[in-house]
């Protein structure tokens, strides 16, 4: 019965690992296709993987508690499987951190490309402005209206350039804020990982203490039962002696 239950626990840990691996594969495919265009998209896609990792850690802690009560001859076998599953979980966590860094790099590259596109859009406008200015200079000697038209065109080009600059600054600020959020999320994830590992170590220590206390309590119960038996035997001997004395000294005539 215990062997079957332990086998089910190990199978459950393997299924957890397969689920996390499948989720990481889907996340990696989305990164390679550049489908994650913002920090919010990354957070939404990685939240499911983080939740599965936390559930996996909970199952590992439960398995350690259960296998800790097994006999020493069987405990090492099952504990080795739990430790292997813990190592695989650590590898998946490292993969998730690498993916987060890769997404961060992709967002930076996308920001640089966006800047290049904005500069490329503003460059033809500046070239057109120069051509119009030269054309206006040629027509200046012939007509005052051509000069006014050239000045108006220059103002429109200047206004367009200013709007493009403002838009670029706004996009830069937005992307910087998104990158800061991503860095903060990764820091929080690392902190939670370290906290879980620390909690796991403390939990293992408490489990060992509880196991030792259980053994001591069992020994005390055995001693208590032994003491009760000795006391009962001593009382029986004492009563036997008292009855013998009464028989010989007081009721000798009744019981010859």
Protein backbone atom coordinates (compact mmCIF):
# COMPACT_ATOMS: atom_id res chain seq x y z
CA UNK A 1 0.00 0.00 0.00
CA UNK A 2 2.75 2.45 0.97
CA UNK A 3 4.84 1.47 -2.06
CA UNK A 4 1.91 2.12 -4.41
CA UNK A 5 1.22 5.51 -2.83
CA UNK A 6 4.89 6.50 -3.12
CA UNK A 7 4.90 5.47 -6.78
CA UNK A 8 1.84 7.65 -7.39
CA UNK A 9 3.60 10.62 -5.77
CA UNK A 10 6.66 10.19 -7.99
CA UNK A 11 4.44 9.90 -11.06
CA UNK A 12 2.71 13.13 -10.03
CA UNK A 13 6.10 14.89 -9.78
CA UNK A 14 7.02 13.63 -13.27
CA UNK A 15 3.73 14.95 -14.65
CA UNK A 16 4.44 18.32 -13.05
CA UNK A 17 7.81 18.39 -14.77
CA UNK A 18 6.29 17.51 -18.15
CA UNK A 19 3.67 20.25 -17.79
CA UNK A 20 6.29 22.88 -16.95
CA UNK A 21 8.51 21.73 -19.81
CA UNK A 22 5.59 21.96 -22.26
CA UNK A 23 4.69 25.46 -21.02
CA UNK A 24 8.33 26.57 -21.36
CA UNK A 25 8.45 25.19 -24.90
CA UNK A 26 5.37 27.22 -25.86
CA UNK A 27 6.87 30.31 -24.24
CA UNK A 28 10.13 29.82 -26.12
CA UNK A 29 8.25 29.48 -29.41
CA UNK A 30 6.47 32.77 -28.74
CA UNK A 31 9.84 34.44 -28.02
CA UNK A 32 11.41 33.09 -31.21
CA UNK A 33 8.45 34.39 -33.21
CA UNK A 34 8.74 37.76 -31.44
CA UNK A 35 5.10 37.61 -30.35
CA UNK A 36 5.84 39.23 -26.96
CA UNK A 37 5.88 42.91 -27.87
CA UNK A 38 5.61 44.34 -24.35
CA UNK A 39 6.34 43.61 -20.72
CA UNK A 40 2.63 43.03 -20.07
CA UNK A 41 2.54 40.30 -22.72
CA UNK A 42 5.57 38.60 -21.14
CA UNK A 43 4.04 38.80 -17.65
CA UNK A 44 0.76 37.33 -18.87
CA UNK A 45 2.47 34.43 -20.69
CA UNK A 46 4.96 33.62 -17.90
CA UNK A 47 2.45 33.83 -15.02
CA UNK A 48 1.13 30.33 -15.80
CA UNK A 49 4.66 28.87 -15.76
CA UNK A 50 5.43 30.56 -12.42
CA UNK A 51 2.22 29.16 -10.92
CA UNK A 52 3.10 25.65 -12.12
CA UNK A 53 6.59 25.96 -10.61
CA UNK A 54 5.12 26.96 -7.24
CA UNK A 55 2.69 24.01 -7.31
CA UNK A 56 5.59 21.73 -8.22
CA UNK A 57 7.55 22.98 -5.19
CA UNK A 58 4.52 22.35 -2.94
CA UNK A 59 4.31 18.75 -4.21
CA UNK A 60 8.03 18.29 -3.57
CA UNK A 61 7.68 19.48 0.03
CA UNK A 62 4.71 17.18 0.60
CA UNK A 63 6.61 14.24 -0.85
CA UNK A 64 9.58 14.91 1.46
CA UNK A 65 7.27 14.94 4.49
CA UNK A 66 5.63 11.66 3.50
CA UNK A 67 8.85 9.85 2.55
CA UNK A 68 10.48 11.06 5.77
CA UNK A 69 8.22 8.71 7.74
CA UNK A 70 9.21 5.69 5.63
CA UNK A 71 11.67 3.10 6.98
CA UNK A 72 15.31 3.93 6.42
CA UNK A 73 15.70 1.10 3.90
CA UNK A 74 13.05 2.63 1.60
CA UNK A 75 13.47 6.32 2.44
CA UNK A 76 16.75 6.80 0.54
CA UNK A 77 15.30 5.35 -2.67
CA UNK A 78 12.28 7.66 -2.74
CA UNK A 79 14.20 10.70 -1.50
CA UNK A 80 16.65 10.33 -4.41
CA UNK A 81 13.75 10.60 -6.85
CA UNK A 82 12.47 13.72 -5.07
CA UNK A 83 15.95 15.29 -5.24
CA UNK A 84 16.16 14.51 -8.96
CA UNK A 85 12.82 16.23 -9.50
CA UNK A 86 14.11 19.22 -7.49
CA UNK A 87 17.16 19.47 -9.75
CA UNK A 88 14.99 19.37 -12.89
CA UNK A 89 12.83 22.14 -11.41
CA UNK A 90 15.95 24.26 -10.86
CA UNK A 91 16.94 23.79 -14.51
CA UNK A 92 13.48 24.92 -15.65
CA UNK A 93 13.68 27.99 -13.39
CA UNK A 94 17.04 28.89 -14.93
CA UNK A 95 15.52 28.50 -18.42
CA UNK A 96 12.69 30.85 -17.45
CA UNK A 97 15.19 33.48 -16.27
CA UNK A 98 17.13 33.17 -19.54
CA UNK A 99 13.90 33.65 -21.50
CA UNK A 100 13.11 36.77 -19.50
CA UNK A 101 16.54 38.20 -20.34
CA UNK A 102 16.01 37.32 -24.01
CA UNK A 103 12.65 39.11 -24.05
CA UNK A 104 14.30 42.14 -22.48
CA UNK A 105 16.90 42.19 -25.27
CA UNK A 106 14.18 41.87 -27.91
CA UNK A 107 12.32 44.84 -26.44
CA UNK A 108 15.52 46.89 -26.55
CA UNK A 109 16.10 45.92 -30.18
CA UNK A 110 12.51 46.83 -31.02
CA UNK A 111 12.99 50.23 -29.40
CA UNK A 112 16.14 50.85 -31.46
CA UNK A 113 14.37 49.82 -34.68
CA UNK A 114 11.48 52.13 -33.86
CA UNK A 115 13.91 55.03 -33.41
CA UNK A 116 15.54 54.27 -36.75
CA UNK A 117 12.13 54.25 -38.44
CA UNK A 118 11.22 57.60 -36.93
CA UNK A 119 14.53 59.13 -38.03
CA UNK A 120 14.07 57.65 -41.51
CA UNK A 121 10.60 59.21 -41.69
CA UNK A 122 11.92 62.64 -40.69
CA UNK A 123 14.92 62.59 -43.08
CA UNK A 124 12.90 62.80 -46.37
CA UNK A 125 10.92 65.68 -44.90
CA UNK A 126 14.15 67.57 -44.19
CA UNK A 127 15.41 66.84 -47.70
CA UNK A 128 12.15 68.13 -49.18
CA UNK A 129 12.50 71.23 -47.02
CA UNK A 130 15.98 71.87 -48.46
CA UNK A 131 14.72 71.46 -52.01
CA UNK A 132 11.81 73.79 -51.37
CA UNK A 133 14.16 76.33 -49.82
CA UNK A 134 16.42 76.26 -52.86
CA UNK A 135 13.42 76.50 -55.14
CA UNK A 136 12.10 79.43 -53.12
CA UNK A 137 15.50 81.16 -53.43
CA UNK A 138 15.36 80.93 -57.21
CA UNK A 139 11.83 82.26 -57.35
CA UNK A 140 12.57 85.02 -54.79
CA UNK A 141 13.84 87.33 -57.47
CA UNK A 142 10.67 86.85 -59.53
CA UNK A 143 7.79 86.73 -56.98
CA UNK A 144 7.14 87.54 -53.31
CA UNK A 145 4.33 84.94 -53.07
CA UNK A 146 6.77 82.11 -53.79
CA UNK A 147 8.92 83.21 -50.84
CA UNK A 148 5.90 83.20 -48.54
CA UNK A 149 4.94 79.72 -49.76
CA UNK A 150 8.48 78.42 -49.10
CA UNK A 151 8.44 79.89 -45.57
CA UNK A 152 5.08 78.26 -44.92
CA UNK A 153 6.43 74.91 -46.11
CA UNK A 154 9.45 75.28 -43.82
CA UNK A 155 7.18 75.92 -40.87
CA UNK A 156 5.13 72.83 -41.65
CA UNK A 157 8.28 70.69 -41.97
CA UNK A 158 9.61 72.10 -38.71
CA UNK A 159 6.31 71.36 -36.97
CA UNK A 160 6.37 67.81 -38.35
CA UNK A 161 9.91 67.31 -37.09
CA UNK A 162 8.95 68.60 -33.64
CA UNK A 163 5.97 66.25 -33.49
CA UNK A 164 8.17 63.31 -34.51
CA UNK A 165 10.69 64.25 -31.79
CA UNK A 166 7.95 64.45 -29.15
CA UNK A 167 6.56 61.09 -30.27
CA UNK A 168 10.04 59.56 -30.10
CA UNK A 169 10.60 60.90 -26.58
CA UNK A 170 7.22 59.55 -25.48
CA UNK A 171 7.92 56.11 -26.94
CA UNK A 172 11.35 56.10 -25.30
CA UNK A 173 9.84 56.88 -21.90
CA UNK A 174 7.18 54.21 -22.32
CA UNK A 175 9.70 51.55 -23.33
CA UNK A 176 12.01 52.52 -20.46
CA UNK A 177 9.11 52.18 -18.03
CA UNK A 178 8.23 48.76 -19.45
CA UNK A 179 11.84 47.61 -19.15
CA UNK A 180 11.98 48.80 -15.54
CA UNK A 181 8.80 46.85 -14.79
CA UNK A 182 10.30 43.74 -16.39
CA UNK A 183 13.50 44.12 -14.36
CA UNK A 184 11.43 44.60 -11.18
CA UNK A 185 9.40 41.46 -11.95
CA UNK A 186 12.55 39.43 -12.48
CA UNK A 187 14.02 40.74 -9.22
CA UNK A 188 10.83 39.81 -7.39
CA UNK A 189 10.88 36.36 -9.01
CA UNK A 190 14.49 35.77 -7.90
CA UNK A 191 13.64 36.96 -4.39
CA UNK A 192 10.67 34.59 -4.20
CA UNK A 193 12.84 31.73 -5.47
CA UNK A 194 15.45 32.36 -2.78
CA UNK A 195 12.70 32.64 -0.17
CA UNK A 196 11.20 29.32 -1.26
CA UNK A 197 14.60 27.63 -1.06
CA UNK A 198 15.17 29.08 2.42
CA UNK A 199 11.71 27.95 3.51
CA UNK A 200 12.41 24.50 2.12
CA UNK A 201 15.62 24.22 4.15
CA UNK A 202 13.88 25.34 7.34
CA UNK A 203 11.03 22.96 6.65
CA UNK A 204 13.48 20.08 6.20
CA UNK A 205 15.14 21.00 9.51
CA UNK A 206 11.80 21.07 11.30
CA UNK A 207 10.89 17.73 9.75
CA UNK A 208 14.08 16.17 11.14
CA UNK A 209 13.36 17.64 14.58
CA UNK A 210 9.80 16.34 14.54
CA UNK A 211 10.99 12.91 13.48
CA UNK A 212 13.47 12.80 16.37
CA UNK A 213 10.79 14.01 18.79
CA UNK A 214 8.47 11.28 17.58
CA UNK A 215 11.10 8.65 18.28
CA UNK A 216 11.70 10.03 21.78
CA UNK A 217 7.97 10.06 22.54
CA UNK A 218 7.70 6.45 21.36
CA UNK A 219 10.55 5.44 23.68
CA UNK A 220 8.93 7.30 26.61
CA UNK A 221 5.63 5.51 25.97
CA UNK A 222 7.43 2.17 26.00
CA UNK A 223 9.16 3.06 29.28
CA UNK A 224 5.82 4.16 30.75
CA UNK A 225 4.22 0.81 29.88
CA UNK A 226 7.20 -1.04 31.34
CA UNK A 227 6.97 0.99 34.57
CA UNK A 228 3.26 0.24 34.87
CA UNK A 229 3.89 -3.48 34.52
CA UNK A 230 6.67 -3.38 37.16
CA UNK A 231 4.46 -1.39 39.56
CA UNK A 232 1.59 -3.83 39.11
CA UNK A 233 3.91 -6.78 39.75
CA UNK A 234 5.34 -5.05 42.84
CA UNK A 235 1.85 -4.40 44.20
CA UNK A 236 0.91 -8.02 43.62
CA UNK A 237 4.00 -9.23 45.48
CA UNK A 238 3.29 -6.79 48.33
CA UNK A 239 -0.31 -7.97 48.68
CA UNK A 240 0.82 -11.58 48.62
CA UNK A 241 3.27 -10.90 51.45
CA UNK A 242 0.61 -9.08 53.50
CA UNK A 243 -1.84 -11.93 53.06
CA UNK A 244 0.78 -14.46 54.03
CA UNK A 245 1.62 -12.53 57.22
CA UNK A 246 -2.06 -12.20 58.11
CA UNK A 247 -2.55 -15.89 57.56
CA UNK A 248 0.39 -16.86 59.74
CA UNK A 249 -0.02 -14.30 62.54
CA UNK A 250 -3.73 -13.39 62.82
CA UNK A 251 -5.90 -15.97 61.12
CA UNK A 252 -3.76 -18.99 61.82
CA UNK A 253 -6.59 -20.78 63.59
CA UNK A 254 -8.97 -20.30 60.65
CA UNK A 255 -6.57 -21.39 57.97
CA UNK A 256 -4.47 -24.20 59.39
